[in-house]
């Protein structure tokens, strides 16, 4: 039981880290698009 619980916690932590990284890259990508659009005008 304890082993299963700790495995879930590790998975949840990993999931949060991945979500955080995805969020960072999404914002960075969005900023790139914005700067590309503004340089096009």
PDB file of N, CA and C in Angstrom:
ATOM      1  N   UNK A   1       0.832  -1.208   0.000  1.00  0.00           N
ATOM      2  CA  UNK A   1       0.000   0.000   0.000  1.00  0.00           C
ATOM      3  C   UNK A   1       0.864   1.253   0.000  1.00  0.00           C
ATOM      4  N   UNK A   2       1.853   1.283   0.878  1.00  0.00           N
ATOM      5  CA  UNK A   2       2.722   2.452   0.969  1.00  0.00           C
ATOM      6  C   UNK A   2       3.504   2.662  -0.320  1.00  0.00           C
ATOM      7  N   UNK A   3       3.942   1.552  -0.906  1.00  0.00           N
ATOM      8  CA  UNK A   3       4.701   1.628  -2.155  1.00  0.00           C
ATOM      9  C   UNK A   3       3.847   2.242  -3.262  1.00  0.00           C
ATOM     10  N   UNK A   4       2.602   1.794  -3.343  1.00  0.00           N
ATOM     11  CA  UNK A   4       1.687   2.298  -4.360  1.00  0.00           C
ATOM     12  C   UNK A   4       1.464   3.801  -4.188  1.00  0.00           C
ATOM     13  N   UNK A   5       1.306   4.219  -2.943  1.00  0.00           N
ATOM     14  CA  UNK A   5       1.068   5.624  -2.633  1.00  0.00           C
ATOM     15  C   UNK A   5       2.251   6.488  -3.072  1.00  0.00           C
ATOM     16  N   UNK A   6       3.466   6.048  -2.754  1.00  0.00           N
ATOM     17  CA  UNK A   6       4.649   6.826  -3.116  1.00  0.00           C
ATOM     18  C   UNK A   6       4.835   6.869  -4.631  1.00  0.00           C
ATOM     19  N   UNK A   7       4.473   5.779  -5.310  1.00  0.00           N
ATOM     20  CA  UNK A   7       4.559   5.756  -6.774  1.00  0.00           C
ATOM     21  C   UNK A   7       3.617   6.797  -7.363  1.00  0.00           C
ATOM     22  N   UNK A   8       2.413   6.871  -6.814  1.00  0.00           N
ATOM     23  CA  UNK A   8       1.443   7.861  -7.280  1.00  0.00           C
ATOM     24  C   UNK A   8       1.947   9.276  -7.049  1.00  0.00           C
ATOM     25  N   UNK A   9       2.553   9.509  -5.887  1.00  0.00           N
ATOM     26  CA  UNK A   9       3.083  10.836  -5.594  1.00  0.00           C
ATOM     27  C   UNK A   9       4.176  11.222  -6.582  1.00  0.00           C
ATOM     28  N   UNK A  10       5.046  10.268  -6.898  1.00  0.00           N
ATOM     29  CA  UNK A  10       6.121  10.530  -7.858  1.00  0.00           C
ATOM     30  C   UNK A  10       5.523  10.848  -9.224  1.00  0.00           C
ATOM     31  N   UNK A  11       4.516  10.083  -9.629  1.00  0.00           N
ATOM     32  CA  UNK A  11       3.874  10.322 -10.920  1.00  0.00           C
ATOM     33  C   UNK A  11       3.211  11.693 -10.955  1.00  0.00           C
ATOM     34  N   UNK A  12       2.529  12.051  -9.865  1.00  0.00           N
ATOM     35  CA  UNK A  12       1.880  13.358  -9.797  1.00  0.00           C
ATOM     36  C   UNK A  12       2.894  14.481  -9.892  1.00  0.00           C
ATOM     37  N   UNK A  13       4.021  14.318  -9.198  1.00  0.00           N
ATOM     38  CA  UNK A  13       5.074  15.326  -9.223  1.00  0.00           C
ATOM     39  C   UNK A  13       5.602  15.474 -10.648  1.00  0.00           C
ATOM     40  N   UNK A  14       5.831  14.354 -11.293  1.00  0.00           N
ATOM     41  CA  UNK A  14       6.330  14.356 -12.673  1.00  0.00           C
ATOM     42  C   UNK A  14       5.327  15.047 -13.595  1.00  0.00           C
ATOM     43  N   UNK A  15       4.062  14.744 -13.400  1.00  0.00           N
ATOM     44  CA  UNK A  15       3.003  15.342 -14.208  1.00  0.00           C
ATOM     45  C   UNK A  15       2.981  16.859 -14.043  1.00  0.00           C
ATOM     46  N   UNK A  16       3.108  17.326 -12.790  1.00  0.00           N
ATOM     47  CA  UNK A  16       3.135  18.768 -12.532  1.00  0.00           C
ATOM     48  C   UNK A  16       4.344  19.417 -13.187  1.00  0.00           C
ATOM     49  N   UNK A  17       5.499  18.750 -13.116  1.00  0.00           N
ATOM     50  CA  UNK A  17       6.706  19.285 -13.741  1.00  0.00           C
ATOM     51  C   UNK A  17       6.520  19.399 -15.244  1.00  0.00           C
ATOM     52  N   UNK A  18       5.936  18.372 -15.854  1.00  0.00           N
ATOM     53  CA  UNK A  18       5.703  18.395 -17.294  1.00  0.00           C
ATOM     54  C   UNK A  18       4.727  19.505 -17.666  1.00  0.00           C
ATOM     55  N   UNK A  19       3.667  19.675 -16.878  1.00  0.00           N
ATOM     56  CA  UNK A  19       2.705  20.743 -17.134  1.00  0.00           C
ATOM     57  C   UNK A  19       3.378  22.100 -17.055  1.00  0.00           C
ATOM     58  N   UNK A  20       4.246  22.269 -16.065  1.00  0.00           N
ATOM     59  CA  UNK A  20       4.971  23.522 -15.894  1.00  0.00           C
ATOM     60  C   UNK A  20       5.849  23.797 -17.114  1.00  0.00           C
ATOM     61  N   UNK A  21       6.596  22.785 -17.540  1.00  0.00           N
ATOM     62  CA  UNK A  21       7.478  22.935 -18.699  1.00  0.00           C
ATOM     63  C   UNK A  21       6.669  23.250 -19.951  1.00  0.00           C
ATOM     64  N   UNK A  22       5.563  22.553 -20.130  1.00  0.00           N
ATOM     65  CA  UNK A  22       4.707  22.806 -21.287  1.00  0.00           C
ATOM     66  C   UNK A  22       4.196  24.238 -21.273  1.00  0.00           C
ATOM     67  N   UNK A  23       3.805  24.714 -20.091  1.00  0.00           N
ATOM     68  CA  UNK A  23       3.320  26.087 -19.951  1.00  0.00           C
ATOM     69  C   UNK A  23       4.385  27.099 -20.315  1.00  0.00           C
ATOM     70  N   UNK A  24       5.606  26.853 -19.862  1.00  0.00           N
ATOM     71  CA  UNK A  24       6.717  27.759 -20.157  1.00  0.00           C
ATOM     72  C   UNK A  24       6.966  27.811 -21.657  1.00  0.00           C
ATOM     73  N   UNK A  25       7.032  26.649 -22.294  1.00  0.00           N
ATOM     74  CA  UNK A  25       7.290  26.621 -23.733  1.00  0.00           C
ATOM     75  C   UNK A  25       6.145  27.222 -24.520  1.00  0.00           C
ATOM     76  N   UNK A  26       4.920  27.013 -24.056  1.00  0.00           N
ATOM     77  CA  UNK A  26       3.759  27.573 -24.737  1.00  0.00           C
ATOM     78  C   UNK A  26       3.828  29.094 -24.725  1.00  0.00           C
ATOM     79  N   UNK A  27       4.167  29.669 -23.548  1.00  0.00           N
ATOM     80  CA  UNK A  27       4.291  31.126 -23.456  1.00  0.00           C
ATOM     81  C   UNK A  27       5.416  31.638 -24.339  1.00  0.00           C
ATOM     82  N   UNK A  28       6.537  30.924 -24.347  1.00  0.00           N
ATOM     83  CA  UNK A  28       7.686  31.324 -25.156  1.00  0.00           C
ATOM     84  C   UNK A  28       7.323  31.281 -26.638  1.00  0.00           C
ATOM     85  N   UNK A  29       6.628  30.232 -27.043  1.00  0.00           N
ATOM     86  CA  UNK A  29       6.211  30.057 -28.425  1.00  0.00           C
ATOM     87  C   UNK A  29       5.242  31.167 -28.825  1.00  0.00           C
ATOM     88  N   UNK A  30       4.315  31.488 -27.926  1.00  0.00           N
ATOM     89  CA  UNK A  30       3.349  32.553 -28.158  1.00  0.00           C
ATOM     90  C   UNK A  30       4.063  33.885 -28.351  1.00  0.00           C
ATOM     91  N   UNK A  31       5.072  34.140 -27.542  1.00  0.00           N
ATOM     92  CA  UNK A  31       5.844  35.378 -27.642  1.00  0.00           C
ATOM     93  C   UNK A  31       6.575  35.441 -28.977  1.00  0.00           C
ATOM     94  N   UNK A  32       7.112  34.318 -29.423  1.00  0.00           N
ATOM     95  CA  UNK A  32       7.785  34.263 -30.727  1.00  0.00           C
ATOM     96  C   UNK A  32       6.806  34.617 -31.835  1.00  0.00           C
ATOM     97  N   UNK A  33       5.613  34.057 -31.781  1.00  0.00           N
ATOM     98  CA  UNK A  33       4.592  34.327 -32.793  1.00  0.00           C
ATOM     99  C   UNK A  33       4.224  35.807 -32.789  1.00  0.00           C
ATOM    100  N   UNK A  34       4.021  36.365 -31.593  1.00  0.00           N
ATOM    101  CA  UNK A  34       3.671  37.779 -31.476  1.00  0.00           C
ATOM    102  C   UNK A  34       4.754  38.670 -32.077  1.00  0.00           C
ATOM    103  N   UNK A  35       6.009  38.390 -31.754  1.00  0.00           N
ATOM    104  CA  UNK A  35       7.093  39.222 -32.268  1.00  0.00           C
ATOM    105  C   UNK A  35       7.228  39.048 -33.781  1.00  0.00           C
ATOM    106  N   UNK A  36       6.944  37.857 -34.284  1.00  0.00           N
ATOM    107  CA  UNK A  36       6.996  37.614 -35.725  1.00  0.00           C
ATOM    108  C   UNK A  36       5.897  38.402 -36.424  1.00  0.00           C
ATOM    109  N   UNK A  37       4.689  38.372 -35.850  1.00  0.00           N
ATOM    110  CA  UNK A  37       3.565  39.116 -36.422  1.00  0.00           C
ATOM    111  C   UNK A  37       3.845  40.612 -36.434  1.00  0.00           C
ATOM    112  N   UNK A  38       4.371  41.133 -35.331  1.00  0.00           N
ATOM    113  CA  UNK A  38       4.616  42.573 -35.244  1.00  0.00           C
ATOM    114  C   UNK A  38       5.746  43.002 -36.179  1.00  0.00           C
ATOM    115  N   UNK A  39       6.713  42.140 -36.436  1.00  0.00           N
ATOM    116  CA  UNK A  39       7.795  42.494 -37.357  1.00  0.00           C
ATOM    117  C   UNK A  39       7.320  42.412 -38.807  1.00  0.00           C
ATOM    118  N   UNK A  40       6.235  41.670 -39.028  1.00  0.00           N
ATOM    119  CA  UNK A  40       5.671  41.549 -40.370  1.00  0.00           C
ATOM    120  C   UNK A  40       4.934  42.818 -40.783  1.00  0.00           C
ATOM    121  N   UNK A  41       4.324  43.500 -39.851  1.00  0.00           N
ATOM    122  CA  UNK A  41       3.503  44.692 -40.144  1.00  0.00           C
ATOM    123  C   UNK A  41       4.283  45.834 -40.742  1.00  0.00           C
TER     124      UNK A  41
END
